[in-house]
N, C-alpha and C. Protein backbone atom coordinates (compact mmCIF):
# COMPACT_ATOMS: atom_id res chain seq x y z
N MET A 1 106.89 16.13 -19.12
CA MET A 1 107.83 15.72 -18.13
C MET A 1 109.01 16.69 -18.16
N CYS A 2 109.57 17.01 -16.99
CA CYS A 2 110.72 17.89 -16.88
C CYS A 2 111.87 17.14 -16.26
N THR A 3 113.06 17.50 -16.64
CA THR A 3 114.25 16.88 -16.04
C THR A 3 115.17 17.96 -15.53
N VAL A 4 115.85 17.67 -14.43
CA VAL A 4 116.84 18.59 -13.87
C VAL A 4 118.19 18.21 -14.45
N GLN A 5 118.92 19.20 -14.94
CA GLN A 5 120.24 18.97 -15.51
C GLN A 5 121.24 18.78 -14.36
N PRO A 6 121.88 17.61 -14.24
CA PRO A 6 122.83 17.38 -13.15
C PRO A 6 124.02 18.32 -13.24
N GLY A 7 124.46 18.78 -12.07
CA GLY A 7 125.64 19.64 -12.02
C GLY A 7 125.35 21.09 -12.33
N ASN A 8 124.14 21.45 -12.62
CA ASN A 8 123.80 22.83 -12.93
C ASN A 8 123.30 23.50 -11.65
N PRO A 9 124.03 24.49 -11.13
CA PRO A 9 123.65 25.10 -9.86
C PRO A 9 122.31 25.84 -9.91
N THR A 10 121.87 26.24 -11.09
CA THR A 10 120.59 26.94 -11.17
C THR A 10 119.43 25.99 -11.43
N ALA A 11 119.74 24.69 -11.50
CA ALA A 11 118.73 23.64 -11.70
C ALA A 11 117.79 24.00 -12.85
N THR A 12 118.36 24.21 -14.02
CA THR A 12 117.57 24.52 -15.21
C THR A 12 116.70 23.32 -15.57
N LEU A 13 115.45 23.59 -15.82
CA LEU A 13 114.52 22.54 -16.22
C LEU A 13 114.29 22.61 -17.72
N LYS A 14 114.30 21.47 -18.33
CA LYS A 14 114.01 21.38 -19.76
C LYS A 14 112.75 20.55 -19.94
N ALA A 15 111.78 21.13 -20.59
CA ALA A 15 110.52 20.41 -20.85
C ALA A 15 110.70 19.49 -22.04
N ARG A 16 110.15 18.32 -21.90
CA ARG A 16 110.16 17.36 -23.01
C ARG A 16 108.73 17.20 -23.50
N THR A 17 108.56 17.38 -24.77
CA THR A 17 107.25 17.21 -25.37
C THR A 17 107.25 15.92 -26.15
N PRO A 18 106.34 14.99 -25.80
CA PRO A 18 106.31 13.73 -26.56
C PRO A 18 105.90 13.99 -28.00
N ALA A 19 106.51 13.27 -28.91
CA ALA A 19 106.19 13.42 -30.34
C ALA A 19 104.82 12.81 -30.60
N LEU A 20 103.99 13.51 -31.33
CA LEU A 20 102.68 13.00 -31.71
C LEU A 20 102.80 12.19 -32.98
N PRO A 21 102.04 11.10 -33.07
CA PRO A 21 102.09 10.32 -34.31
C PRO A 21 101.47 11.14 -35.44
N PRO A 22 101.92 10.94 -36.67
CA PRO A 22 101.35 11.69 -37.79
C PRO A 22 99.88 11.32 -37.98
N MET A 23 99.08 12.31 -38.36
CA MET A 23 97.66 12.07 -38.61
C MET A 23 97.51 11.32 -39.94
N PRO A 24 96.66 10.28 -39.96
CA PRO A 24 96.48 9.54 -41.21
C PRO A 24 95.79 10.42 -42.25
N SER A 25 95.94 10.06 -43.52
CA SER A 25 95.28 10.83 -44.57
C SER A 25 93.79 10.53 -44.54
N ILE A 26 92.99 11.47 -45.00
CA ILE A 26 91.55 11.28 -45.03
C ILE A 26 91.17 10.13 -45.96
N THR A 27 91.96 9.92 -47.00
CA THR A 27 91.70 8.82 -47.93
C THR A 27 91.86 7.48 -47.21
N ASP A 28 92.91 7.35 -46.40
CA ASP A 28 93.12 6.11 -45.64
C ASP A 28 92.00 5.89 -44.63
N VAL A 29 91.58 6.95 -43.95
CA VAL A 29 90.51 6.84 -42.95
C VAL A 29 89.21 6.43 -43.62
N LYS A 30 88.88 7.07 -44.73
CA LYS A 30 87.65 6.72 -45.47
C LYS A 30 87.69 5.26 -45.89
N ARG A 31 88.82 4.84 -46.42
CA ARG A 31 88.96 3.46 -46.89
C ARG A 31 88.75 2.46 -45.75
N ARG A 32 89.28 2.78 -44.57
CA ARG A 32 89.17 1.86 -43.43
C ARG A 32 87.73 1.74 -42.92
N HIS A 33 86.94 2.80 -43.04
CA HIS A 33 85.60 2.81 -42.44
C HIS A 33 84.45 2.70 -43.44
N GLU A 34 84.76 2.75 -44.72
CA GLU A 34 83.73 2.78 -45.75
C GLU A 34 82.79 1.58 -45.71
N ALA A 35 83.31 0.38 -45.59
CA ALA A 35 82.46 -0.82 -45.59
C ALA A 35 81.46 -0.80 -44.44
N ALA A 36 81.90 -0.39 -43.27
CA ALA A 36 81.00 -0.34 -42.11
C ALA A 36 79.93 0.73 -42.28
N ILE A 37 80.31 1.88 -42.83
CA ILE A 37 79.33 2.95 -43.04
C ILE A 37 78.29 2.54 -44.08
N LEU A 38 78.73 1.85 -45.13
CA LEU A 38 77.79 1.43 -46.19
C LEU A 38 76.79 0.39 -45.69
N LYS A 39 77.07 -0.26 -44.56
CA LYS A 39 76.13 -1.24 -44.00
C LYS A 39 74.95 -0.57 -43.29
N VAL A 40 75.06 0.72 -43.03
CA VAL A 40 73.97 1.45 -42.38
C VAL A 40 72.81 1.57 -43.36
N ASP A 41 71.62 1.15 -42.93
CA ASP A 41 70.45 1.19 -43.80
C ASP A 41 70.18 2.63 -44.25
N GLY A 42 70.10 2.83 -45.56
CA GLY A 42 69.83 4.15 -46.12
C GLY A 42 71.06 4.86 -46.66
N VAL A 43 72.25 4.37 -46.31
CA VAL A 43 73.48 4.96 -46.84
C VAL A 43 73.74 4.40 -48.23
N VAL A 44 73.98 5.30 -49.20
CA VAL A 44 74.19 4.86 -50.57
C VAL A 44 75.60 5.16 -51.09
N GLY A 45 76.39 5.90 -50.31
CA GLY A 45 77.74 6.21 -50.75
C GLY A 45 78.55 6.91 -49.67
N VAL A 46 79.86 6.86 -49.84
CA VAL A 46 80.79 7.53 -48.94
C VAL A 46 81.84 8.23 -49.79
N GLY A 47 82.11 9.49 -49.50
CA GLY A 47 83.09 10.24 -50.27
C GLY A 47 83.88 11.18 -49.39
N ILE A 48 84.64 12.04 -50.03
CA ILE A 48 85.45 13.05 -49.34
C ILE A 48 85.01 14.41 -49.86
N GLY A 49 84.77 15.33 -48.95
CA GLY A 49 84.33 16.66 -49.35
C GLY A 49 84.91 17.72 -48.44
N LEU A 50 84.31 18.90 -48.46
CA LEU A 50 84.73 20.01 -47.60
C LEU A 50 83.55 20.44 -46.74
N ARG A 51 83.86 20.77 -45.50
CA ARG A 51 82.86 21.28 -44.56
C ARG A 51 83.52 22.37 -43.75
N GLY A 52 83.06 23.58 -43.90
CA GLY A 52 83.66 24.69 -43.18
C GLY A 52 85.11 24.92 -43.58
N GLY A 53 85.44 24.63 -44.84
CA GLY A 53 86.81 24.81 -45.32
C GLY A 53 87.76 23.70 -44.90
N ARG A 54 87.24 22.66 -44.30
CA ARG A 54 88.07 21.55 -43.82
C ARG A 54 87.62 20.25 -44.49
N GLU A 55 88.56 19.37 -44.79
CA GLU A 55 88.22 18.09 -45.39
C GLU A 55 87.31 17.31 -44.45
N CYS A 56 86.33 16.62 -45.05
CA CYS A 56 85.43 15.80 -44.25
C CYS A 56 85.07 14.53 -45.02
N ILE A 57 84.56 13.57 -44.28
CA ILE A 57 84.05 12.34 -44.88
C ILE A 57 82.56 12.55 -45.10
N THR A 58 82.14 12.50 -46.36
CA THR A 58 80.75 12.74 -46.72
C THR A 58 80.01 11.41 -46.82
N VAL A 59 78.91 11.31 -46.08
CA VAL A 59 78.08 10.12 -46.10
C VAL A 59 76.81 10.47 -46.86
N MET A 60 76.59 9.80 -47.99
CA MET A 60 75.44 10.08 -48.85
C MET A 60 74.31 9.12 -48.51
N VAL A 61 73.11 9.69 -48.28
CA VAL A 61 71.97 8.88 -47.86
C VAL A 61 70.76 9.13 -48.76
N ARG A 62 69.85 8.14 -48.79
CA ARG A 62 68.60 8.30 -49.55
C ARG A 62 67.75 9.39 -48.92
N THR A 63 67.48 9.23 -47.63
CA THR A 63 66.71 10.22 -46.86
C THR A 63 67.35 10.34 -45.49
N LEU A 64 67.20 11.47 -44.86
CA LEU A 64 67.76 11.69 -43.54
C LEU A 64 66.76 11.22 -42.48
N SER A 65 67.22 10.36 -41.60
CA SER A 65 66.36 9.83 -40.55
C SER A 65 67.12 9.79 -39.24
N ASP A 66 66.39 9.65 -38.14
CA ASP A 66 67.04 9.57 -36.84
C ASP A 66 67.98 8.38 -36.73
N PRO A 67 67.61 7.18 -37.25
CA PRO A 67 68.56 6.06 -37.18
C PRO A 67 69.86 6.33 -37.95
N VAL A 68 69.77 7.02 -39.09
CA VAL A 68 70.98 7.37 -39.85
C VAL A 68 71.83 8.35 -39.04
N ARG A 69 71.20 9.38 -38.49
CA ARG A 69 71.93 10.35 -37.67
C ARG A 69 72.63 9.68 -36.50
N ALA A 70 71.95 8.72 -35.88
CA ALA A 70 72.52 8.02 -34.73
C ALA A 70 73.68 7.09 -35.13
N ALA A 71 73.61 6.53 -36.34
CA ALA A 71 74.62 5.57 -36.78
C ALA A 71 75.89 6.21 -37.33
N VAL A 72 75.78 7.43 -37.84
CA VAL A 72 76.94 8.10 -38.43
C VAL A 72 77.59 8.98 -37.36
N PRO A 73 78.85 8.69 -37.02
CA PRO A 73 79.51 9.49 -35.99
C PRO A 73 79.79 10.92 -36.46
N LYS A 74 79.93 11.84 -35.53
CA LYS A 74 80.22 13.25 -35.86
C LYS A 74 81.61 13.40 -36.47
N GLU A 75 82.53 12.51 -36.07
CA GLU A 75 83.86 12.51 -36.68
C GLU A 75 84.42 11.10 -36.63
N ILE A 76 85.35 10.86 -37.55
CA ILE A 76 86.01 9.56 -37.65
C ILE A 76 87.51 9.81 -37.68
N GLU A 77 88.20 9.32 -36.68
CA GLU A 77 89.66 9.47 -36.57
C GLU A 77 90.10 10.93 -36.75
N GLY A 78 89.34 11.84 -36.18
CA GLY A 78 89.71 13.26 -36.24
C GLY A 78 89.15 14.04 -37.40
N PHE A 79 88.55 13.37 -38.37
CA PHE A 79 87.95 14.06 -39.51
C PHE A 79 86.44 14.18 -39.29
N PRO A 80 85.87 15.38 -39.50
CA PRO A 80 84.42 15.53 -39.34
C PRO A 80 83.68 14.77 -40.45
N THR A 81 82.44 14.43 -40.15
CA THR A 81 81.59 13.81 -41.17
C THR A 81 80.48 14.79 -41.55
N ALA A 82 79.95 14.62 -42.73
CA ALA A 82 78.82 15.41 -43.21
C ALA A 82 77.85 14.44 -43.87
N ILE A 83 76.59 14.54 -43.52
CA ILE A 83 75.56 13.70 -44.14
C ILE A 83 74.89 14.52 -45.23
N GLU A 84 74.83 13.94 -46.42
CA GLU A 84 74.25 14.62 -47.58
C GLU A 84 73.13 13.76 -48.16
N VAL A 85 71.96 14.33 -48.28
CA VAL A 85 70.81 13.61 -48.85
C VAL A 85 70.93 13.67 -50.37
N VAL A 86 71.01 12.49 -51.00
CA VAL A 86 71.16 12.42 -52.47
C VAL A 86 70.03 11.64 -53.14
N GLY A 87 69.17 11.01 -52.35
CA GLY A 87 68.09 10.21 -52.93
C GLY A 87 68.61 8.87 -53.41
N ASP A 88 67.86 8.25 -54.31
CA ASP A 88 68.27 6.96 -54.87
C ASP A 88 69.40 7.16 -55.87
N VAL A 89 70.34 6.26 -55.85
CA VAL A 89 71.46 6.32 -56.78
C VAL A 89 71.30 5.18 -57.77
N ARG A 90 71.31 5.53 -59.06
CA ARG A 90 71.16 4.52 -60.12
C ARG A 90 72.29 4.68 -61.12
N ALA A 91 72.69 3.58 -61.70
CA ALA A 91 73.71 3.61 -62.74
C ALA A 91 73.13 4.21 -64.00
N ARG A 92 73.91 5.02 -64.69
CA ARG A 92 73.46 5.58 -65.99
C ARG A 92 73.56 4.52 -67.06
N ARG A 93 72.71 4.67 -68.04
CA ARG A 93 72.76 3.70 -69.16
C ARG A 93 73.20 4.38 -70.40
């Protein structure tokens, strides 16, 4: 949006740029979406990693399938996701 300065014979325009809200941290985004992602059949974990030098939400799966690909979005709240095949996850003894 531009405004005209009253009383200025040259009608100088000043552009106003709306302030953007701060981007949430990837930890907060992961925390908000983790429970829903873990409900996807075949997903065994959710973490934070790097993809192309940028932070991403890593979704760990037993095997990669079309239903998993369809259920995991390409990005969540501006952060890219990466699907990583890890197989079965078992607790160590």
